[in-house]
Amino acid sequence: MPIKPNPWKPKEFFPIRDACLHNLDHISVDIPLHVLTVVTGVAGSGKSTLIRDVFARQYADQVVLVDQSPVTATGRSAPVTFLGFFDEIRKVLAKENGVDASLFSFNSKV
């Protein structure tokens, strides 16, 4: 797949300044808004600390954090359910198939 020659440039950011926690040593970064952002690095470099412990706490009222941790104790739970997307997905699937939306639930009786 070719790389888009003129990608969209974010204009707004969530700034993090001088983050010092665990392996983070005075880290400053701007997390862009309205784009999918990926944080990478070697094991132990502070990715989880930066995002979960610094970023998510600093902007708790403005972001939804989805990470690799389990959503709940049951294997039937998925992030899409808790973010509210699954209800809309069920409605679309039900409409396209002419059936009740409850058929697309993990708790369906059918």
C-alpha atoms as a PDB file:
ATOM      1  CA  MET A   1       0.000   0.000   0.000  1.00  0.00           C
ATOM      2  CA  PRO A   2       1.525   3.339  -0.970  1.00  0.00           C
ATOM      3  CA  ILE A   3       2.267   5.936   1.674  1.00  0.00           C
ATOM      4  CA  LYS A   4       0.079   9.022   1.413  1.00  0.00           C
ATOM      5  CA  PRO A   5       2.308  11.808  -0.004  1.00  0.00           C
ATOM      6  CA  ASN A   6       0.559  14.633   1.888  1.00  0.00           C
ATOM      7  CA  PRO A   7      -0.616  13.288   5.257  1.00  0.00           C
ATOM      8  CA  TRP A   8      -2.962  15.303   7.443  1.00  0.00           C
ATOM      9  CA  LYS A   9      -1.013  17.473   9.898  1.00  0.00           C
ATOM     10  CA  PRO A  10      -2.451  17.815  13.417  1.00  0.00           C
ATOM     11  CA  LYS A  11      -2.964  21.365  14.654  1.00  0.00           C
ATOM     12  CA  GLU A  12      -3.804  20.630  18.297  1.00  0.00           C
ATOM     13  CA  PHE A  13      -1.872  18.670  20.878  1.00  0.00           C
ATOM     14  CA  PHE A  14      -1.993  17.441  24.464  1.00  0.00           C
ATOM     15  CA  PRO A  15       1.343  18.619  25.891  1.00  0.00           C
ATOM     16  CA  ILE A  16       3.240  16.666  28.502  1.00  0.00           C
ATOM     17  CA  ARG A  17       6.123  18.543  30.090  1.00  0.00           C
ATOM     18  CA  ASP A  18       9.012  17.357  32.217  1.00  0.00           C
ATOM     19  CA  ALA A  19       7.511  13.940  33.047  1.00  0.00           C
ATOM     20  CA  CYS A  20       9.571  12.187  35.732  1.00  0.00           C
ATOM     21  CA  LEU A  21       8.274   8.843  36.932  1.00  0.00           C
ATOM     22  CA  HIS A  22       9.880   5.387  37.034  1.00  0.00           C
ATOM     23  CA  ASN A  23      12.040   5.275  33.856  1.00  0.00           C
ATOM     24  CA  LEU A  24      10.938   8.693  32.563  1.00  0.00           C
ATOM     25  CA  ASP A  25      13.661  11.285  33.056  1.00  0.00           C
ATOM     26  CA  HIS A  26      12.325  14.786  32.316  1.00  0.00           C
ATOM     27  CA  ILE A  27      10.417  13.759  29.165  1.00  0.00           C
ATOM     28  CA  SER A  28       8.440  16.361  27.206  1.00  0.00           C
ATOM     29  CA  VAL A  29       6.180  15.389  24.308  1.00  0.00           C
ATOM     30  CA  ASP A  30       3.145  16.665  22.418  1.00  0.00           C
ATOM     31  CA  ILE A  31       0.449  14.028  21.773  1.00  0.00           C
ATOM     32  CA  PRO A  32      -1.559  15.012  18.657  1.00  0.00           C
ATOM     33  CA  LEU A  33      -5.348  15.307  18.787  1.00  0.00           C
ATOM     34  CA  HIS A  34      -7.766  13.821  16.219  1.00  0.00           C
ATOM     35  CA  VAL A  35      -5.309  11.223  14.898  1.00  0.00           C
ATOM     36  CA  LEU A  36      -4.445   7.652  15.824  1.00  0.00           C
ATOM     37  CA  THR A  37      -1.204   7.790  17.787  1.00  0.00           C
ATOM     38  CA  VAL A  38       1.110   4.885  18.518  1.00  0.00           C
ATOM     39  CA  VAL A  39       3.785   4.897  21.207  1.00  0.00           C
ATOM     40  CA  THR A  40       6.678   2.518  20.603  1.00  0.00           C
ATOM     41  CA  GLY A  41       9.966   1.688  22.261  1.00  0.00           C
ATOM     42  CA  VAL A  42      11.999  -1.094  23.771  1.00  0.00           C
ATOM     43  CA  ALA A  43      10.807  -2.970  26.842  1.00  0.00           C
ATOM     44  CA  GLY A  44      11.225  -0.914  29.986  1.00  0.00           C
ATOM     45  CA  SER A  45      11.585   2.410  28.182  1.00  0.00           C
ATOM     46  CA  GLY A  46       8.574   3.969  29.918  1.00  0.00           C
ATOM     47  CA  LYS A  47       5.823   3.729  27.279  1.00  0.00           C
ATOM     48  CA  SER A  48       3.151   2.551  29.725  1.00  0.00           C
ATOM     49  CA  THR A  49       4.292   4.985  32.390  1.00  0.00           C
ATOM     50  CA  LEU A  50       4.140   7.875  29.928  1.00  0.00           C
ATOM     51  CA  ILE A  51       0.680   7.052  28.594  1.00  0.00           C
ATOM     52  CA  ARG A  52      -1.115   5.368  31.511  1.00  0.00           C
ATOM     53  CA  ASP A  53       0.463   7.068  34.510  1.00  0.00           C
ATOM     54  CA  VAL A  54       1.247  10.538  33.157  1.00  0.00           C
ATOM     55  CA  PHE A  55      -0.842  11.307  30.063  1.00  0.00           C
ATOM     56  CA  ALA A  56      -4.086   9.548  31.051  1.00  0.00           C
ATOM     57  CA  ARG A  57      -4.066  11.065  34.536  1.00  0.00           C
ATOM     58  CA  GLN A  58      -3.229  14.552  33.295  1.00  0.00           C
ATOM     59  CA  TYR A  59      -6.025  14.452  30.697  1.00  0.00           C
ATOM     60  CA  ALA A  60      -8.428  12.026  32.422  1.00  0.00           C
ATOM     61  CA  ASP A  61     -11.509  14.109  31.657  1.00  0.00           C
ATOM     62  CA  GLN A  62     -10.669  14.406  27.948  1.00  0.00           C
ATOM     63  CA  VAL A  63      -9.448  10.977  26.810  1.00  0.00           C
ATOM     64  CA  VAL A  64     -10.482   7.342  26.743  1.00  0.00           C
ATOM     65  CA  LEU A  65      -7.523   5.081  27.294  1.00  0.00           C
ATOM     66  CA  VAL A  66      -7.567   1.689  25.577  1.00  0.00           C
ATOM     67  CA  ASP A  67      -4.535  -0.440  26.340  1.00  0.00           C
ATOM     68  CA  GLN A  68      -3.570  -4.109  26.513  1.00  0.00           C
ATOM     69  CA  SER A  69      -5.077  -4.705  29.950  1.00  0.00           C
ATOM     70  CA  PRO A  70      -8.228  -6.833  30.294  1.00  0.00           C
ATOM     71  CA  VAL A  71     -11.499  -4.919  30.187  1.00  0.00           C
ATOM     72  CA  THR A  72     -13.178  -7.105  32.832  1.00  0.00           C
ATOM     73  CA  ALA A  73     -12.853 -10.545  34.354  1.00  0.00           C
ATOM     74  CA  THR A  74     -14.868 -12.168  31.571  1.00  0.00           C
ATOM     75  CA  GLY A  75     -13.440 -13.126  28.201  1.00  0.00           C
ATOM     76  CA  ARG A  76     -16.658 -11.936  26.548  1.00  0.00           C
ATOM     77  CA  SER A  77     -15.882  -8.278  27.152  1.00  0.00           C
ATOM     78  CA  ALA A  78     -14.241  -6.155  24.494  1.00  0.00           C
ATOM     79  CA  PRO A  79     -13.136  -2.512  24.379  1.00  0.00           C
ATOM     80  CA  VAL A  80     -15.676  -1.881  21.613  1.00  0.00           C
ATOM     81  CA  THR A  81     -18.462  -2.657  24.099  1.00  0.00           C
ATOM     82  CA  PHE A  82     -17.240  -0.295  26.794  1.00  0.00           C
ATOM     83  CA  LEU A  83     -16.530   2.527  24.360  1.00  0.00           C
ATOM     84  CA  GLY A  84     -20.148   2.355  23.182  1.00  0.00           C
ATOM     85  CA  PHE A  85     -19.393   1.332  19.583  1.00  0.00           C
ATOM     86  CA  PHE A  86     -20.829  -2.155  19.746  1.00  0.00           C
ATOM     87  CA  ASP A  87     -24.422  -0.944  20.094  1.00  0.00           C
ATOM     88  CA  GLU A  88     -24.152   0.860  16.765  1.00  0.00           C
ATOM     89  CA  ILE A  89     -22.406  -2.099  15.127  1.00  0.00           C
ATOM     90  CA  ARG A  90     -25.203  -4.430  16.338  1.00  0.00           C
ATOM     91  CA  LYS A  91     -27.855  -2.078  14.902  1.00  0.00           C
ATOM     92  CA  VAL A  92     -26.173  -2.010  11.488  1.00  0.00           C
ATOM     93  CA  LEU A  93     -25.714  -5.781  11.390  1.00  0.00           C
ATOM     94  CA  ALA A  94     -29.329  -6.329  12.463  1.00  0.00           C
ATOM     95  CA  LYS A  95     -30.692  -3.933   9.838  1.00  0.00           C
ATOM     96  CA  GLU A  96     -28.621  -5.484   7.050  1.00  0.00           C
ATOM     97  CA  ASN A  97     -29.743  -8.987   8.026  1.00  0.00           C
ATOM     98  CA  GLY A  98     -33.353  -8.182   8.904  1.00  0.00           C
ATOM     99  CA  VAL A  99     -33.041  -9.557  12.434  1.00  0.00           C
ATOM    100  CA  ASP A 100     -33.136  -8.274  16.004  1.00  0.00           C
ATOM    101  CA  ALA A 101     -29.975  -6.515  17.245  1.00  0.00           C
ATOM    102  CA  SER A 102     -29.899  -8.789  20.314  1.00  0.00           C
ATOM    103  CA  LEU A 103     -28.783 -11.648  18.047  1.00  0.00           C
ATOM    104  CA  PHE A 104     -25.394  -9.921  17.790  1.00  0.00           C
ATOM    105  CA  SER A 105     -24.848  -9.830  21.539  1.00  0.00           C
ATOM    106  CA  PHE A 106     -22.509 -12.180  23.401  1.00  0.00           C
ATOM    107  CA  ASN A 107     -25.488 -12.799  25.694  1.00  0.00           C
ATOM    108  CA  SER A 108     -27.879 -13.696  22.881  1.00  0.00           C
ATOM    109  CA  LYS A 109     -30.403 -16.408  23.693  1.00  0.00           C
ATOM    110  CA  VAL A 110     -30.181 -17.907  20.222  1.00  0.00           C
END
